[in-house]
Amino acid sequence: MFDIGWSEMAVIAAVALVVLGPKDLPKLLRVVGQWTGKARALAREFQGHLDDIARQSELDELKKQAEKLTSFDVKSEIANTVDPGGEMRRTVEEAAAAAQMPEPSSPSTPAPAIEPPPANPTEPTPAIGTKT
């Protein structure tokens, strides 16, 4: 992190031993160790908060994607893909409307009545499968 090599650390230790003396050097090292531990704990907590924020933003994004998928209307998507202009739908609707309209009949000409042919009891009915 600070890019301090072993030679630099030896120089710092020698200077601290000369300046502070052997009696106060362990106390100084303990205080430096405690501060280092606190700095690492703060860095770990900060990193944890950043991870929580990233996870929350990912969850929000996933939630939006899930809502988009649940509100997906397959019928309209297929209709827009197959017939984007709506021309085929209008043609089908017009054909259906034309098929439902009754054909006009003229009141002056009555419909011809269909009469069954007269039954002739003297003539035998042909058997099925025979030619007449």
C-alpha atoms as a PDB file:
ATOM      1  CA  MET A   1       0.000   0.000   0.000  1.00  0.00           C
ATOM      2  CA  PHE A   2       2.695   2.500   1.004  1.00  0.00           C
ATOM      3  CA  ASP A   3       5.365   0.534  -0.850  1.00  0.00           C
ATOM      4  CA  ILE A   4       7.776   0.476   2.079  1.00  0.00           C
ATOM      5  CA  GLY A   5      10.535  -2.128   1.757  1.00  0.00           C
ATOM      6  CA  TRP A   6      12.427  -3.949   4.521  1.00  0.00           C
ATOM      7  CA  SER A   7      15.349  -1.546   4.354  1.00  0.00           C
ATOM      8  CA  GLU A   8      13.099   1.478   4.946  1.00  0.00           C
ATOM      9  CA  MET A   9      11.383  -0.290   7.839  1.00  0.00           C
ATOM     10  CA  ALA A  10      14.776  -1.075   9.441  1.00  0.00           C
ATOM     11  CA  VAL A  11      15.793   2.604   9.202  1.00  0.00           C
ATOM     12  CA  ILE A  12      12.467   3.717  10.770  1.00  0.00           C
ATOM     13  CA  ALA A  13      12.853   1.135  13.585  1.00  0.00           C
ATOM     14  CA  ALA A  14      16.424   2.269  14.321  1.00  0.00           C
ATOM     15  CA  VAL A  15      15.375   5.937  14.426  1.00  0.00           C
ATOM     16  CA  ALA A  16      12.395   5.127  16.687  1.00  0.00           C
ATOM     17  CA  LEU A  17      14.648   3.068  19.016  1.00  0.00           C
ATOM     18  CA  VAL A  18      17.130   5.931  19.292  1.00  0.00           C
ATOM     19  CA  VAL A  19      14.504   8.683  19.678  1.00  0.00           C
ATOM     20  CA  LEU A  20      12.032   6.922  22.003  1.00  0.00           C
ATOM     21  CA  GLY A  21      14.317   4.473  23.717  1.00  0.00           C
ATOM     22  CA  PRO A  22      13.775   0.813  24.424  1.00  0.00           C
ATOM     23  CA  LYS A  23      11.321   1.520  27.289  1.00  0.00           C
ATOM     24  CA  ASP A  24       8.640   3.376  25.266  1.00  0.00           C
ATOM     25  CA  LEU A  25       9.055   1.533  21.941  1.00  0.00           C
ATOM     26  CA  PRO A  26       6.658  -1.381  22.800  1.00  0.00           C
ATOM     27  CA  LYS A  27       3.947   1.107  23.872  1.00  0.00           C
ATOM     28  CA  LEU A  28       4.358   2.989  20.580  1.00  0.00           C
ATOM     29  CA  LEU A  29       4.154  -0.235  18.563  1.00  0.00           C
ATOM     30  CA  ARG A  30       0.990  -1.257  20.452  1.00  0.00           C
ATOM     31  CA  VAL A  31      -0.667   2.110  19.729  1.00  0.00           C
ATOM     32  CA  VAL A  32       0.361   1.938  16.059  1.00  0.00           C
ATOM     33  CA  GLY A  33      -1.069  -1.623  15.864  1.00  0.00           C
ATOM     34  CA  GLN A  34      -4.367  -0.489  17.432  1.00  0.00           C
ATOM     35  CA  TRP A  35      -4.647   2.402  14.981  1.00  0.00           C
ATOM     36  CA  THR A  36      -3.879   0.079  12.092  1.00  0.00           C
ATOM     37  CA  GLY A  37      -6.612  -2.301  13.313  1.00  0.00           C
ATOM     38  CA  LYS A  38      -9.113   0.563  13.549  1.00  0.00           C
ATOM     39  CA  ALA A  39      -8.181   1.792  10.065  1.00  0.00           C
ATOM     40  CA  ARG A  40      -8.658  -1.717   8.673  1.00  0.00           C
ATOM     41  CA  ALA A  41     -12.023  -2.051  10.466  1.00  0.00           C
ATOM     42  CA  LEU A  42     -13.144   1.293   8.994  1.00  0.00           C
ATOM     43  CA  ALA A  43     -12.018   0.220   5.523  1.00  0.00           C
ATOM     44  CA  ARG A  44     -13.840  -3.118   5.916  1.00  0.00           C
ATOM     45  CA  GLU A  45     -17.028  -1.353   7.075  1.00  0.00           C
ATOM     46  CA  PHE A  46     -16.814   1.138   4.194  1.00  0.00           C
ATOM     47  CA  GLN A  47     -16.302  -1.695   1.704  1.00  0.00           C
ATOM     48  CA  GLY A  48     -19.294  -3.524   3.229  1.00  0.00           C
ATOM     49  CA  HIS A  49     -21.490  -0.464   2.784  1.00  0.00           C
ATOM     50  CA  LEU A  50     -20.375  -0.104  -0.825  1.00  0.00           C
ATOM     51  CA  ASP A  51     -21.188  -3.784  -1.413  1.00  0.00           C
ATOM     52  CA  ASP A  52     -24.638  -3.274   0.142  1.00  0.00           C
ATOM     53  CA  ILE A  53     -25.310  -0.286  -2.112  1.00  0.00           C
ATOM     54  CA  ALA A  54     -24.202  -2.243  -5.188  1.00  0.00           C
ATOM     55  CA  ARG A  55     -26.336  -5.229  -4.172  1.00  0.00           C
ATOM     56  CA  GLN A  56     -29.340  -2.968  -3.560  1.00  0.00           C
ATOM     57  CA  SER A  57     -28.982  -1.326  -6.976  1.00  0.00           C
ATOM     58  CA  GLU A  58     -28.715  -4.770  -8.596  1.00  0.00           C
ATOM     59  CA  LEU A  59     -31.831  -5.897  -6.707  1.00  0.00           C
ATOM     60  CA  ASP A  60     -33.721  -2.809  -7.862  1.00  0.00           C
ATOM     61  CA  GLU A  61     -32.673  -3.488 -11.436  1.00  0.00           C
ATOM     62  CA  LEU A  62     -33.701  -7.151 -11.151  1.00  0.00           C
ATOM     63  CA  LYS A  63     -37.031  -6.106  -9.642  1.00  0.00           C
ATOM     64  CA  LYS A  64     -37.695  -3.776 -12.581  1.00  0.00           C
ATOM     65  CA  GLN A  65     -36.842  -6.564 -15.034  1.00  0.00           C
ATOM     66  CA  ALA A  66     -39.173  -8.971 -13.205  1.00  0.00           C
ATOM     67  CA  GLU A  67     -42.007  -6.429 -13.266  1.00  0.00           C
ATOM     68  CA  LYS A  68     -41.403  -5.881 -16.976  1.00  0.00           C
ATOM     69  CA  LEU A  69     -41.575  -9.626 -17.612  1.00  0.00           C
ATOM     70  CA  THR A  70     -44.787 -10.068 -15.605  1.00  0.00           C
ATOM     71  CA  SER A  71     -46.489  -7.192 -17.429  1.00  0.00           C
ATOM     72  CA  PHE A  72     -45.426  -8.547 -20.835  1.00  0.00           C
ATOM     73  CA  ASP A  73     -48.451  -8.876 -23.140  1.00  0.00           C
ATOM     74  CA  VAL A  74     -47.716 -11.741 -25.513  1.00  0.00           C
ATOM     75  CA  LYS A  75     -50.807 -11.216 -27.658  1.00  0.00           C
ATOM     76  CA  SER A  76     -50.031  -7.580 -28.451  1.00  0.00           C
ATOM     77  CA  GLU A  77     -46.334  -8.329 -29.047  1.00  0.00           C
ATOM     78  CA  ILE A  78     -47.205 -11.072 -31.543  1.00  0.00           C
ATOM     79  CA  ALA A  79     -49.783  -8.829 -33.219  1.00  0.00           C
ATOM     80  CA  ASN A  80     -47.252  -5.985 -33.498  1.00  0.00           C
ATOM     81  CA  THR A  81     -44.620  -8.333 -34.907  1.00  0.00           C
ATOM     82  CA  VAL A  82     -46.853 -10.073 -37.441  1.00  0.00           C
ATOM     83  CA  ASP A  83     -49.015  -7.105 -38.457  1.00  0.00           C
ATOM     84  CA  PRO A  84     -47.322  -3.844 -37.405  1.00  0.00           C
ATOM     85  CA  GLY A  85     -49.625  -1.626 -39.469  1.00  0.00           C
ATOM     86  CA  GLY A  86     -52.843  -3.444 -38.567  1.00  0.00           C
ATOM     87  CA  GLU A  87     -53.764  -4.025 -42.210  1.00  0.00           C
ATOM     88  CA  MET A  88     -54.420  -7.767 -41.864  1.00  0.00           C
ATOM     89  CA  ARG A  89     -56.596  -7.217 -38.786  1.00  0.00           C
ATOM     90  CA  ARG A  90     -58.724  -4.629 -40.580  1.00  0.00           C
ATOM     91  CA  THR A  91     -59.131  -6.958 -43.561  1.00  0.00           C
ATOM     92  CA  VAL A  92     -60.252  -9.821 -41.338  1.00  0.00           C
ATOM     93  CA  GLU A  93     -62.658  -7.578 -39.419  1.00  0.00           C
ATOM     94  CA  GLU A  94     -64.160  -6.277 -42.678  1.00  0.00           C
ATOM     95  CA  ALA A  95     -64.582  -9.830 -43.985  1.00  0.00           C
ATOM     96  CA  ALA A  96     -66.228 -10.899 -40.728  1.00  0.00           C
ATOM     97  CA  ALA A  97     -68.573  -7.917 -40.826  1.00  0.00           C
ATOM     98  CA  ALA A  98     -69.498  -8.675 -44.437  1.00  0.00           C
ATOM     99  CA  ALA A  99     -70.197 -12.336 -43.588  1.00  0.00           C
ATOM    100  CA  GLN A 100     -72.536 -11.362 -40.745  1.00  0.00           C
ATOM    101  CA  MET A 101     -74.661  -9.020 -42.853  1.00  0.00           C
ATOM    102  CA  PRO A 102     -77.840 -10.706 -44.194  1.00  0.00           C
ATOM    103  CA  GLU A 103     -78.299 -10.490 -47.935  1.00  0.00           C
ATOM    104  CA  PRO A 104     -81.110  -8.170 -48.917  1.00  0.00           C
ATOM    105  CA  SER A 105     -84.208  -9.941 -50.193  1.00  0.00           C
ATOM    106  CA  SER A 106     -86.709  -8.264 -52.424  1.00  0.00           C
ATOM    107  CA  PRO A 107     -90.280  -8.259 -51.037  1.00  0.00           C
ATOM    108  CA  SER A 108     -91.860  -8.498 -54.498  1.00  0.00           C
ATOM    109  CA  THR A 109     -90.519 -11.973 -55.296  1.00  0.00           C
ATOM    110  CA  PRO A 110     -91.434 -14.594 -52.776  1.00  0.00           C
ATOM    111  CA  ALA A 111     -89.035 -17.435 -52.139  1.00  0.00           C
ATOM    112  CA  PRO A 112     -89.973 -20.581 -54.070  1.00  0.00           C
ATOM    113  CA  ALA A 113     -91.390 -23.359 -51.999  1.00  0.00           C
ATOM    114  CA  ILE A 114     -89.628 -26.670 -52.230  1.00  0.00           C
ATOM    115  CA  GLU A 115     -92.045 -29.530 -52.521  1.00  0.00           C
ATOM    116  CA  PRO A 116     -91.044 -33.133 -52.011  1.00  0.00           C
ATOM    117  CA  PRO A 117     -91.534 -35.368 -55.041  1.00  0.00           C
ATOM    118  CA  PRO A 118     -94.744 -37.360 -54.999  1.00  0.00           C
ATOM    119  CA  ALA A 119     -94.319 -40.854 -53.727  1.00  0.00           C
ATOM    120  CA  ASN A 120     -95.273 -43.534 -56.243  1.00  0.00           C
ATOM    121  CA  PRO A 121     -96.365 -46.609 -54.300  1.00  0.00           C
ATOM    122  CA  THR A 122     -96.456 -48.813 -57.396  1.00  0.00           C
ATOM    123  CA  GLU A 123     -92.840 -48.331 -58.307  1.00  0.00           C
ATOM    124  CA  PRO A 124     -90.414 -50.328 -56.156  1.00  0.00           C
ATOM    125  CA  THR A 125     -87.512 -48.511 -54.593  1.00  0.00           C
ATOM    126  CA  PRO A 126     -84.170 -49.589 -55.951  1.00  0.00           C
ATOM    127  CA  ALA A 127     -81.863 -51.510 -53.632  1.00  0.00           C
ATOM    128  CA  ILE A 128     -78.772 -49.799 -52.408  1.00  0.00           C
ATOM    129  CA  GLY A 129     -75.803 -50.402 -54.613  1.00  0.00           C
ATOM    130  CA  THR A 130     -77.792 -51.195 -57.799  1.00  0.00           C
ATOM    131  CA  LYS A 131     -77.709 -49.043 -60.881  1.00  0.00           C
ATOM    132  CA  THR A 132     -80.875 -47.726 -62.367  1.00  0.00           C
END
